[in-house]
């Protein structure tokens, strides 16, 4: 999970946030199949290849309140400007949405 960009607003990137980032890496690894399915479902109408997905960043803004991560994805050139977000809450994929 090297190379993941983590973001957080209105809070310093302190030791606790680093712990959240470590926990997020474990969750992302464990939920890879579910995340892939959420991405596939979100882009199915556009016929974009899900294998072309690239994780842009992980927002930790909701982690302190309700253990929510927001994963931002883009794709290969066939996706154009389309991006999507996958939500993980309390260790489960709970939603996805996308647009350009």
PDB file of N, CA and C in Angstrom:
ATOM      1  N   UNK A   1       0.820  -1.187   0.000  1.00  0.00           N
ATOM      2  CA  UNK A   1       0.000   0.000   0.000  1.00  0.00           C
ATOM      3  C   UNK A   1       0.869   1.258   0.000  1.00  0.00           C
ATOM      4  N   UNK A   2       2.089   1.089  -0.418  1.00  0.00           N
ATOM      5  CA  UNK A   2       2.955   2.254  -0.507  1.00  0.00           C
ATOM      6  C   UNK A   2       2.429   3.231  -1.542  1.00  0.00           C
ATOM      7  N   UNK A   3       2.695   4.489  -1.309  1.00  0.00           N
ATOM      8  CA  UNK A   3       2.334   5.501  -2.272  1.00  0.00           C
ATOM      9  C   UNK A   3       0.914   6.034  -2.166  1.00  0.00           C
ATOM     10  N   UNK A   4       0.187   5.657  -1.132  1.00  0.00           N
ATOM     11  CA  UNK A   4      -1.165   6.175  -0.944  1.00  0.00           C
ATOM     12  C   UNK A   4      -1.069   7.586  -0.376  1.00  0.00           C
ATOM     13  N   UNK A   5      -1.799   8.506  -0.989  1.00  0.00           N
ATOM     14  CA  UNK A   5      -1.873   9.866  -0.466  1.00  0.00           C
ATOM     15  C   UNK A   5      -3.059   9.962   0.485  1.00  0.00           C
ATOM     16  N   UNK A   6      -2.779  10.293   1.727  1.00  0.00           N
ATOM     17  CA  UNK A   6      -3.829  10.486   2.726  1.00  0.00           C
ATOM     18  C   UNK A   6      -4.055  11.971   2.909  1.00  0.00           C
ATOM     19  N   UNK A   7      -5.329  12.350   3.086  1.00  0.00           N
ATOM     20  CA  UNK A   7      -5.661  13.744   3.342  1.00  0.00           C
ATOM     21  C   UNK A   7      -6.516  13.832   4.596  1.00  0.00           C
ATOM     22  N   UNK A   8      -6.403  14.957   5.264  1.00  0.00           N
ATOM     23  CA  UNK A   8      -7.268  15.258   6.408  1.00  0.00           C
ATOM     24  C   UNK A   8      -7.375  16.775   6.505  1.00  0.00           C
ATOM     25  N   UNK A   9      -8.569  17.248   6.804  1.00  0.00           N
ATOM     26  CA  UNK A   9      -8.815  18.687   6.896  1.00  0.00           C
ATOM     27  C   UNK A   9      -9.023  19.086   8.347  1.00  0.00           C
ATOM     28  N   UNK A  10      -8.658  20.316   8.656  1.00  0.00           N
ATOM     29  CA  UNK A  10      -8.943  20.925   9.967  1.00  0.00           C
ATOM     30  C   UNK A  10      -8.349  20.154  11.130  1.00  0.00           C
ATOM     31  N   UNK A  11      -7.218  19.517  10.901  1.00  0.00           N
ATOM     32  CA  UNK A  11      -6.552  18.779  11.967  1.00  0.00           C
ATOM     33  C   UNK A  11      -5.096  18.567  11.558  1.00  0.00           C
ATOM     34  N   UNK A  12      -4.185  18.661  12.502  1.00  0.00           N
ATOM     35  CA  UNK A  12      -2.789  18.384  12.138  1.00  0.00           C
ATOM     36  C   UNK A  12      -2.594  16.893  11.835  1.00  0.00           C
ATOM     37  N   UNK A  13      -1.644  16.610  10.992  1.00  0.00           N
ATOM     38  CA  UNK A  13      -1.329  15.227  10.663  1.00  0.00           C
ATOM     39  C   UNK A  13      -0.410  14.714  11.769  1.00  0.00           C
ATOM     40  N   UNK A  14      -1.015  14.301  12.886  1.00  0.00           N
ATOM     41  CA  UNK A  14      -0.271  13.901  14.066  1.00  0.00           C
ATOM     42  C   UNK A  14      -0.183  12.376  14.190  1.00  0.00           C
ATOM     43  N   UNK A  15       0.311  11.902  15.322  1.00  0.00           N
ATOM     44  CA  UNK A  15       0.511  10.470  15.554  1.00  0.00           C
ATOM     45  C   UNK A  15      -0.801   9.692  15.454  1.00  0.00           C
ATOM     46  N   UNK A  16      -1.885  10.223  15.991  1.00  0.00           N
ATOM     47  CA  UNK A  16      -3.172   9.540  15.916  1.00  0.00           C
ATOM     48  C   UNK A  16      -3.618   9.375  14.460  1.00  0.00           C
ATOM     49  N   UNK A  17      -3.428  10.403  13.671  1.00  0.00           N
ATOM     50  CA  UNK A  17      -3.798  10.340  12.256  1.00  0.00           C
ATOM     51  C   UNK A  17      -2.925   9.312  11.533  1.00  0.00           C
ATOM     52  N   UNK A  18      -1.666   9.233  11.893  1.00  0.00           N
ATOM     53  CA  UNK A  18      -0.796   8.204  11.304  1.00  0.00           C
ATOM     54  C   UNK A  18      -1.304   6.803  11.642  1.00  0.00           C
ATOM     55  N   UNK A  19      -1.776   6.617  12.868  1.00  0.00           N
ATOM     56  CA  UNK A  19      -2.367   5.326  13.246  1.00  0.00           C
ATOM     57  C   UNK A  19      -3.601   5.027  12.400  1.00  0.00           C
ATOM     58  N   UNK A  20      -4.438   6.044  12.170  1.00  0.00           N
ATOM     59  CA  UNK A  20      -5.622   5.853  11.315  1.00  0.00           C
ATOM     60  C   UNK A  20      -5.201   5.444   9.913  1.00  0.00           C
ATOM     61  N   UNK A  21      -4.152   6.071   9.400  1.00  0.00           N
ATOM     62  CA  UNK A  21      -3.672   5.745   8.057  1.00  0.00           C
ATOM     63  C   UNK A  21      -3.206   4.293   7.995  1.00  0.00           C
ATOM     64  N   UNK A  22      -2.519   3.833   9.029  1.00  0.00           N
ATOM     65  CA  UNK A  22      -2.099   2.424   9.075  1.00  0.00           C
ATOM     66  C   UNK A  22      -3.320   1.504   9.083  1.00  0.00           C
ATOM     67  N   UNK A  23      -4.318   1.841   9.900  1.00  0.00           N
ATOM     68  CA  UNK A  23      -5.551   1.051   9.949  1.00  0.00           C
ATOM     69  C   UNK A  23      -6.250   1.060   8.590  1.00  0.00           C
ATOM     70  N   UNK A  24      -6.244   2.205   7.934  1.00  0.00           N
ATOM     71  CA  UNK A  24      -6.868   2.321   6.616  1.00  0.00           C
ATOM     72  C   UNK A  24      -6.183   1.408   5.607  1.00  0.00           C
ATOM     73  N   UNK A  25      -4.863   1.332   5.646  1.00  0.00           N
ATOM     74  CA  UNK A  25      -4.133   0.454   4.723  1.00  0.00           C
ATOM     75  C   UNK A  25      -4.554  -1.000   4.901  1.00  0.00           C
ATOM     76  N   UNK A  26      -4.700  -1.414   6.141  1.00  0.00           N
ATOM     77  CA  UNK A  26      -5.131  -2.792   6.415  1.00  0.00           C
ATOM     78  C   UNK A  26      -6.541  -3.012   5.869  1.00  0.00           C
ATOM     79  N   UNK A  27      -7.450  -2.074   6.139  1.00  0.00           N
ATOM     80  CA  UNK A  27      -8.826  -2.199   5.648  1.00  0.00           C
ATOM     81  C   UNK A  27      -8.883  -2.259   4.129  1.00  0.00           C
ATOM     82  N   UNK A  28      -8.134  -1.387   3.473  1.00  0.00           N
ATOM     83  CA  UNK A  28      -8.146  -1.341   2.014  1.00  0.00           C
ATOM     84  C   UNK A  28      -7.663  -2.675   1.453  1.00  0.00           C
ATOM     85  N   UNK A  29      -6.623  -3.229   2.049  1.00  0.00           N
ATOM     86  CA  UNK A  29      -6.118  -4.526   1.612  1.00  0.00           C
ATOM     87  C   UNK A  29      -7.174  -5.611   1.799  1.00  0.00           C
ATOM     88  N   UNK A  30      -7.791  -5.629   2.979  1.00  0.00           N
ATOM     89  CA  UNK A  30      -8.784  -6.664   3.291  1.00  0.00           C
ATOM     90  C   UNK A  30     -10.031  -6.547   2.429  1.00  0.00           C
ATOM     91  N   UNK A  31     -10.397  -5.338   2.054  1.00  0.00           N
ATOM     92  CA  UNK A  31     -11.629  -5.102   1.307  1.00  0.00           C
ATOM     93  C   UNK A  31     -11.406  -4.954  -0.197  1.00  0.00           C
ATOM     94  N   UNK A  32     -10.242  -5.331  -0.683  1.00  0.00           N
ATOM     95  CA  UNK A  32      -9.924  -5.100  -2.092  1.00  0.00           C
ATOM     96  C   UNK A  32     -10.988  -5.648  -3.035  1.00  0.00           C
ATOM     97  N   UNK A  33     -11.474  -6.858  -2.809  1.00  0.00           N
ATOM     98  CA  UNK A  33     -12.495  -7.444  -3.699  1.00  0.00           C
ATOM     99  C   UNK A  33     -13.793  -6.637  -3.645  1.00  0.00           C
ATOM    100  N   UNK A  34     -14.197  -6.212  -2.451  1.00  0.00           N
ATOM    101  CA  UNK A  34     -15.414  -5.406  -2.322  1.00  0.00           C
ATOM    102  C   UNK A  34     -15.247  -4.024  -2.945  1.00  0.00           C
ATOM    103  N   UNK A  35     -14.063  -3.444  -2.794  1.00  0.00           N
ATOM    104  CA  UNK A  35     -13.784  -2.144  -3.401  1.00  0.00           C
ATOM    105  C   UNK A  35     -13.821  -2.279  -4.920  1.00  0.00           C
ATOM    106  N   UNK A  36     -13.198  -3.325  -5.441  1.00  0.00           N
ATOM    107  CA  UNK A  36     -13.205  -3.569  -6.879  1.00  0.00           C
ATOM    108  C   UNK A  36     -14.641  -3.704  -7.391  1.00  0.00           C
ATOM    109  N   UNK A  37     -15.493  -4.408  -6.644  1.00  0.00           N
ATOM    110  CA  UNK A  37     -16.892  -4.577  -7.050  1.00  0.00           C
ATOM    111  C   UNK A  37     -17.633  -3.240  -7.040  1.00  0.00           C
ATOM    112  N   UNK A  38     -17.384  -2.415  -6.014  1.00  0.00           N
ATOM    113  CA  UNK A  38     -18.029  -1.099  -5.946  1.00  0.00           C
ATOM    114  C   UNK A  38     -17.606  -0.226  -7.127  1.00  0.00           C
ATOM    115  N   UNK A  39     -16.326  -0.272  -7.470  1.00  0.00           N
ATOM    116  CA  UNK A  39     -15.839   0.482  -8.632  1.00  0.00           C
ATOM    117  C   UNK A  39     -16.503  -0.051  -9.896  1.00  0.00           C
ATOM    118  N   UNK A  40     -16.531  -1.372 -10.054  1.00  0.00           N
ATOM    119  CA  UNK A  40     -17.139  -1.986 -11.242  1.00  0.00           C
ATOM    120  C   UNK A  40     -18.598  -1.605 -11.388  1.00  0.00           C
ATOM    121  N   UNK A  41     -19.340  -1.654 -10.287  1.00  0.00           N
ATOM    122  CA  UNK A  41     -20.758  -1.291 -10.319  1.00  0.00           C
ATOM    123  C   UNK A  41     -20.952   0.164 -10.725  1.00  0.00           C
ATOM    124  N   UNK A  42     -20.083   1.032 -10.223  1.00  0.00           N
ATOM    125  CA  UNK A  42     -20.216   2.461 -10.472  1.00  0.00           C
ATOM    126  C   UNK A  42     -19.911   2.823 -11.924  1.00  0.00           C
ATOM    127  N   UNK A  43     -19.006   2.100 -12.548  1.00  0.00           N
ATOM    128  CA  UNK A  43     -18.599   2.452 -13.918  1.00  0.00           C
ATOM    129  C   UNK A  43     -19.244   1.561 -14.978  1.00  0.00           C
ATOM    130  N   UNK A  44     -20.070   0.608 -14.563  1.00  0.00           N
ATOM    131  CA  UNK A  44     -20.657  -0.352 -15.510  1.00  0.00           C
ATOM    132  C   UNK A  44     -21.421   0.328 -16.640  1.00  0.00           C
ATOM    133  N   UNK A  45     -22.171   1.365 -16.334  1.00  0.00           N
ATOM    134  CA  UNK A  45     -22.968   2.052 -17.344  1.00  0.00           C
ATOM    135  C   UNK A  45     -22.087   2.694 -18.421  1.00  0.00           C
ATOM    136  N   UNK A  46     -20.850   3.003 -18.072  1.00  0.00           N
ATOM    137  CA  UNK A  46     -19.939   3.672 -18.996  1.00  0.00           C
ATOM    138  C   UNK A  46     -19.032   2.682 -19.731  1.00  0.00           C
ATOM    139  N   UNK A  47     -19.073   1.422 -19.340  1.00  0.00           N
ATOM    140  CA  UNK A  47     -18.211   0.391 -19.941  1.00  0.00           C
ATOM    141  C   UNK A  47     -16.722   0.697 -19.801  1.00  0.00           C
ATOM    142  N   UNK A  48     -16.344   1.345 -18.708  1.00  0.00           N
ATOM    143  CA  UNK A  48     -14.933   1.575 -18.423  1.00  0.00           C
ATOM    144  C   UNK A  48     -14.357   0.309 -17.803  1.00  0.00           C
ATOM    145  N   UNK A  49     -13.088  -0.001 -18.056  1.00  0.00           N
ATOM    146  CA  UNK A  49     -12.484  -1.178 -17.433  1.00  0.00           C
ATOM    147  C   UNK A  49     -12.135  -0.914 -15.965  1.00  0.00           C
ATOM    148  N   UNK A  50     -12.645  -1.746 -15.080  1.00  0.00           N
ATOM    149  CA  UNK A  50     -12.365  -1.577 -13.657  1.00  0.00           C
ATOM    150  C   UNK A  50     -10.908  -1.877 -13.330  1.00  0.00           C
ATOM    151  N   UNK A  51     -10.274  -2.708 -14.148  1.00  0.00           N
ATOM    152  CA  UNK A  51      -8.870  -3.027 -13.895  1.00  0.00           C
ATOM    153  C   UNK A  51      -7.963  -1.827 -14.098  1.00  0.00           C
ATOM    154  N   UNK A  52      -8.477  -0.795 -14.758  1.00  0.00           N
ATOM    155  CA  UNK A  52      -7.703   0.413 -14.976  1.00  0.00           C
ATOM    156  C   UNK A  52      -7.769   1.389 -13.822  1.00  0.00           C
ATOM    157  N   UNK A  53      -8.403   0.994 -12.718  1.00  0.00           N
ATOM    158  CA  UNK A  53      -8.580   1.921 -11.586  1.00  0.00           C
ATOM    159  C   UNK A  53      -7.248   2.237 -10.915  1.00  0.00           C
ATOM    160  N   UNK A  54      -7.163   3.455 -10.420  1.00  0.00           N
ATOM    161  CA  UNK A  54      -5.994   3.894  -9.673  1.00  0.00           C
ATOM    162  C   UNK A  54      -6.470   4.680  -8.462  1.00  0.00           C
ATOM    163  N   UNK A  55      -5.984   4.300  -7.296  1.00  0.00           N
ATOM    164  CA  UNK A  55      -6.334   4.993  -6.062  1.00  0.00           C
ATOM    165  C   UNK A  55      -5.571   6.311  -6.015  1.00  0.00           C
ATOM    166  N   UNK A  56      -6.328   7.419  -6.024  1.00  0.00           N
ATOM    167  CA  UNK A  56      -5.715   8.750  -5.986  1.00  0.00           C
ATOM    168  C   UNK A  56      -5.387   9.191  -4.573  1.00  0.00           C
ATOM    169  N   UNK A  57      -6.354   9.041  -3.678  1.00  0.00           N
ATOM    170  CA  UNK A  57      -6.153   9.482  -2.304  1.00  0.00           C
ATOM    171  C   UNK A  57      -7.181   8.837  -1.377  1.00  0.00           C
ATOM    172  N   UNK A  58      -6.890   8.947  -0.093  1.00  0.00           N
ATOM    173  CA  UNK A  58      -7.795   8.459   0.941  1.00  0.00           C
ATOM    174  C   UNK A  58      -8.010   9.603   1.919  1.00  0.00           C
ATOM    175  N   UNK A  59      -9.271  10.010   2.053  1.00  0.00           N
ATOM    176  CA  UNK A  59      -9.615  11.062   3.003  1.00  0.00           C
ATOM    177  C   UNK A  59      -9.915  10.428   4.361  1.00  0.00           C
ATOM    178  N   UNK A  60      -9.270  10.964   5.384  1.00  0.00           N
ATOM    179  CA  UNK A  60      -9.485  10.511   6.760  1.00  0.00           C
ATOM    180  C   UNK A  60     -10.410  11.453   7.520  1.00  0.00           C
ATOM    181  N   UNK A  61     -11.067  12.389   6.821  1.00  0.00           N
ATOM    182  CA  UNK A  61     -11.886  13.403   7.486  1.00  0.00           C
ATOM    183  C   UNK A  61     -12.979  12.807   8.369  1.00  0.00           C
ATOM    184  N   UNK A  62     -13.585  11.705   7.983  1.00  0.00           N
ATOM    185  CA  UNK A  62     -14.674  11.120   8.766  1.00  0.00           C
ATOM    186  C   UNK A  62     -14.255  10.015   9.695  1.00  0.00           C
ATOM    187  N   UNK A  63     -12.966   9.754   9.781  1.00  0.00           N
ATOM    188  CA  UNK A  63     -12.521   8.595  10.554  1.00  0.00           C
ATOM    189  C   UNK A  63     -12.733   8.766  12.053  1.00  0.00           C
ATOM    190  N   UNK A  64     -12.486   9.934  12.579  1.00  0.00           N
ATOM    191  CA  UNK A  64     -12.635  10.153  14.020  1.00  0.00           C
ATOM    192  C   UNK A  64     -14.092  10.042  14.459  1.00  0.00           C
ATOM    193  N   UNK A  65     -15.010  10.509  13.629  1.00  0.00           N
ATOM    194  CA  UNK A  65     -16.426  10.533  13.998  1.00  0.00           C
ATOM    195  C   UNK A  65     -17.118   9.190  13.838  1.00  0.00           C
ATOM    196  N   UNK A  66     -16.894   8.519  12.703  1.00  0.00           N
ATOM    197  CA  UNK A  66     -17.644   7.276  12.461  1.00  0.00           C
ATOM    198  C   UNK A  66     -16.858   6.236  11.660  1.00  0.00           C
ATOM    199  N   UNK A  67     -15.522   6.300  11.774  1.00  0.00           N
ATOM    200  CA  UNK A  67     -14.648   5.338  11.098  1.00  0.00           C
ATOM    201  C   UNK A  67     -14.913   5.262   9.596  1.00  0.00           C
ATOM    202  N   UNK A  68     -15.132   6.425   8.972  1.00  0.00           N
ATOM    203  CA  UNK A  68     -15.382   6.476   7.533  1.00  0.00           C
ATOM    204  C   UNK A  68     -14.135   6.932   6.790  1.00  0.00           C
ATOM    205  N   UNK A  69     -13.828   6.188   5.741  1.00  0.00           N
ATOM    206  CA  UNK A  69     -12.774   6.535   4.797  1.00  0.00           C
ATOM    207  C   UNK A  69     -13.434   6.842   3.465  1.00  0.00           C
ATOM    208  N   UNK A  70     -12.900   7.800   2.749  1.00  0.00           N
ATOM    209  CA  UNK A  70     -13.366   8.089   1.399  1.00  0.00           C
ATOM    210  C   UNK A  70     -12.189   7.880   0.455  1.00  0.00           C
ATOM    211  N   UNK A  71     -12.316   6.892  -0.420  1.00  0.00           N
ATOM    212  CA  UNK A  71     -11.264   6.547  -1.358  1.00  0.00           C
ATOM    213  C   UNK A  71     -11.572   7.179  -2.706  1.00  0.00           C
ATOM    214  N   UNK A  72     -10.669   7.979  -3.226  1.00  0.00           N
ATOM    215  CA  UNK A  72     -10.850   8.624  -4.518  1.00  0.00           C
ATOM    216  C   UNK A  72     -10.102   7.870  -5.603  1.00  0.00           C
ATOM    217  N   UNK A  73     -10.810   7.521  -6.674  1.00  0.00           N
ATOM    218  CA  UNK A  73     -10.226   6.757  -7.773  1.00  0.00           C
ATOM    219  C   UNK A  73     -10.331   7.507  -9.089  1.00  0.00           C
ATOM    220  N   UNK A  74      -9.371   7.255  -9.952  1.00  0.00           N
ATOM    221  CA  UNK A  74      -9.464   7.620 -11.358  1.00  0.00           C
ATOM    222  C   UNK A  74      -9.135   6.347 -12.131  1.00  0.00           C
ATOM    223  N   UNK A  75      -9.180   6.433 -13.448  1.00  0.00           N
ATOM    224  CA  UNK A  75      -8.906   5.250 -14.246  1.00  0.00           C
ATOM    225  C   UNK A  75      -7.889   5.513 -15.328  1.00  0.00           C
ATOM    226  N   UNK A  76      -7.784   4.552 -16.226  1.00  0.00           N
ATOM    227  CA  UNK A  76      -6.874   4.717 -17.350  1.00  0.00           C
ATOM    228  C   UNK A  76      -7.450   5.747 -18.326  1.00  0.00           C
ATOM    229  N   UNK A  77      -6.813   5.914 -19.463  1.00  0.00           N
ATOM    230  CA  UNK A  77      -7.232   6.936 -20.426  1.00  0.00           C
ATOM    231  C   UNK A  77      -8.675   6.772 -20.891  1.00  0.00           C
ATOM    232  N   UNK A  78      -9.176   5.536 -20.878  1.00  0.00           N
ATOM    233  CA  UNK A  78     -10.556   5.316 -21.337  1.00  0.00           C
ATOM    234  C   UNK A  78     -11.574   5.976 -20.408  1.00  0.00           C
ATOM    235  N   UNK A  79     -11.188   6.260 -19.172  1.00  0.00           N
ATOM    236  CA  UNK A  79     -12.083   6.901 -18.217  1.00  0.00           C
ATOM    237  C   UNK A  79     -12.209   8.397 -18.466  1.00  0.00           C
ATOM    238  N   UNK A  80     -11.287   8.984 -19.212  1.00  0.00           N
ATOM    239  CA  UNK A  80     -11.317  10.423 -19.434  1.00  0.00           C
ATOM    240  C   UNK A  80     -11.194  11.170 -18.108  1.00  0.00           C
ATOM    241  N   UNK A  81     -12.106  12.124 -17.852  1.00  0.00           N
ATOM    242  CA  UNK A  81     -12.096  12.918 -16.616  1.00  0.00           C
ATOM    243  C   UNK A  81     -12.922  12.281 -15.499  1.00  0.00           C
ATOM    244  N   UNK A  82     -13.470  11.102 -15.739  1.00  0.00           N
ATOM    245  CA  UNK A  82     -14.338  10.454 -14.758  1.00  0.00           C
ATOM    246  C   UNK A  82     -13.533  10.052 -13.521  1.00  0.00           C
ATOM    247  N   UNK A  83     -14.050  10.385 -12.365  1.00  0.00           N
ATOM    248  CA  UNK A  83     -13.473   9.952 -11.089  1.00  0.00           C
ATOM    249  C   UNK A  83     -14.599   9.406 -10.228  1.00  0.00           C
ATOM    250  N   UNK A  84     -14.237   8.632  -9.231  1.00  0.00           N
ATOM    251  CA  UNK A  84     -15.272   8.126  -8.333  1.00  0.00           C
ATOM    252  C   UNK A  84     -14.731   7.987  -6.923  1.00  0.00           C
ATOM    253  N   UNK A  85     -15.657   7.959  -5.986  1.00  0.00           N
ATOM    254  CA  UNK A  85     -15.339   7.791  -4.575  1.00  0.00           C
ATOM    255  C   UNK A  85     -16.002   6.518  -4.070  1.00  0.00           C
ATOM    256  N   UNK A  86     -15.272   5.795  -3.251  1.00  0.00           N
ATOM    257  CA  UNK A  86     -15.805   4.630  -2.563  1.00  0.00           C
ATOM    258  C   UNK A  86     -15.730   4.916  -1.075  1.00  0.00           C
ATOM    259  N   UNK A  87     -16.849   4.718  -0.377  1.00  0.00           N
ATOM    260  CA  UNK A  87     -16.893   4.942   1.068  1.00  0.00           C
ATOM    261  C   UNK A  87     -16.735   3.628   1.802  1.00  0.00           C
ATOM    262  N   UNK A  88     -15.929   3.668   2.846  1.00  0.00           N
ATOM    263  CA  UNK A  88     -15.783   2.542   3.760  1.00  0.00           C
ATOM    264  C   UNK A  88     -16.140   3.064   5.138  1.00  0.00           C
ATOM    265  N   UNK A  89     -17.078   2.406   5.787  1.00  0.00           N
ATOM    266  CA  UNK A  89     -17.483   2.801   7.133  1.00  0.00           C
ATOM    267  C   UNK A  89     -17.440   1.572   8.033  1.00  0.00           C
ATOM    268  N   UNK A  90     -16.712   1.706   9.131  1.00  0.00           N
ATOM    269  CA  UNK A  90     -16.605   0.629  10.119  1.00  0.00           C
ATOM    270  C   UNK A  90     -16.205  -0.701   9.476  1.00  0.00           C
ATOM    271  N   UNK A  91     -15.257  -0.628   8.542  1.00  0.00           N
ATOM    272  CA  UNK A  91     -14.729  -1.842   7.939  1.00  0.00           C
ATOM    273  C   UNK A  91     -15.561  -2.465   6.842  1.00  0.00           C
ATOM    274  N   UNK A  92     -16.557  -1.723   6.305  1.00  0.00           N
ATOM    275  CA  UNK A  92     -17.409  -2.240   5.211  1.00  0.00           C
ATOM    276  C   UNK A  92     -17.512  -1.193   4.118  1.00  0.00           C
ATOM    277  N   UNK A  93     -17.558  -1.652   2.879  1.00  0.00           N
ATOM    278  CA  UNK A  93     -17.843  -0.740   1.764  1.00  0.00           C
ATOM    279  C   UNK A  93     -19.314  -0.374   1.850  1.00  0.00           C
ATOM    280  N   UNK A  94     -19.587   0.924   1.963  1.00  0.00           N
ATOM    281  CA  UNK A  94     -20.959   1.370   2.185  1.00  0.00           C
ATOM    282  C   UNK A  94     -21.526   2.220   1.054  1.00  0.00           C
ATOM    283  N   UNK A  95     -20.727   2.522   0.049  1.00  0.00           N
ATOM    284  CA  UNK A  95     -21.260   3.298  -1.060  1.00  0.00           C
ATOM    285  C   UNK A  95     -20.211   3.690  -2.058  1.00  0.00           C
ATOM    286  N   UNK A  96     -20.686   4.143  -3.206  1.00  0.00           N
ATOM    287  CA  UNK A  96     -19.788   4.658  -4.235  1.00  0.00           C
ATOM    288  C   UNK A  96     -20.563   5.628  -5.108  1.00  0.00           C
ATOM    289  N   UNK A  97     -19.862   6.598  -5.648  1.00  0.00           N
ATOM    290  CA  UNK A  97     -20.472   7.539  -6.579  1.00  0.00           C
ATOM    291  C   UNK A  97     -19.381   8.103  -7.463  1.00  0.00           C
ATOM    292  N   UNK A  98     -19.766   8.500  -8.669  1.00  0.00           N
ATOM    293  CA  UNK A  98     -18.767   9.017  -9.593  1.00  0.00           C
ATOM    294  C   UNK A  98     -19.335  10.054 -10.527  1.00  0.00           C
ATOM    295  N   UNK A  99     -18.449  10.706 -11.229  1.00  0.00           N
ATOM    296  CA  UNK A  99     -18.832  11.717 -12.210  1.00  0.00           C
ATOM    297  C   UNK A  99     -17.599  12.346 -12.812  1.00  0.00           C
ATOM    298  N   UNK A 100     -17.840  13.241 -13.755  1.00  0.00           N
ATOM    299  CA  UNK A 100     -16.705  13.926 -14.355  1.00  0.00           C
ATOM    300  C   UNK A 100     -16.774  15.408 -14.120  1.00  0.00           C
TER     301      UNK A 100
END
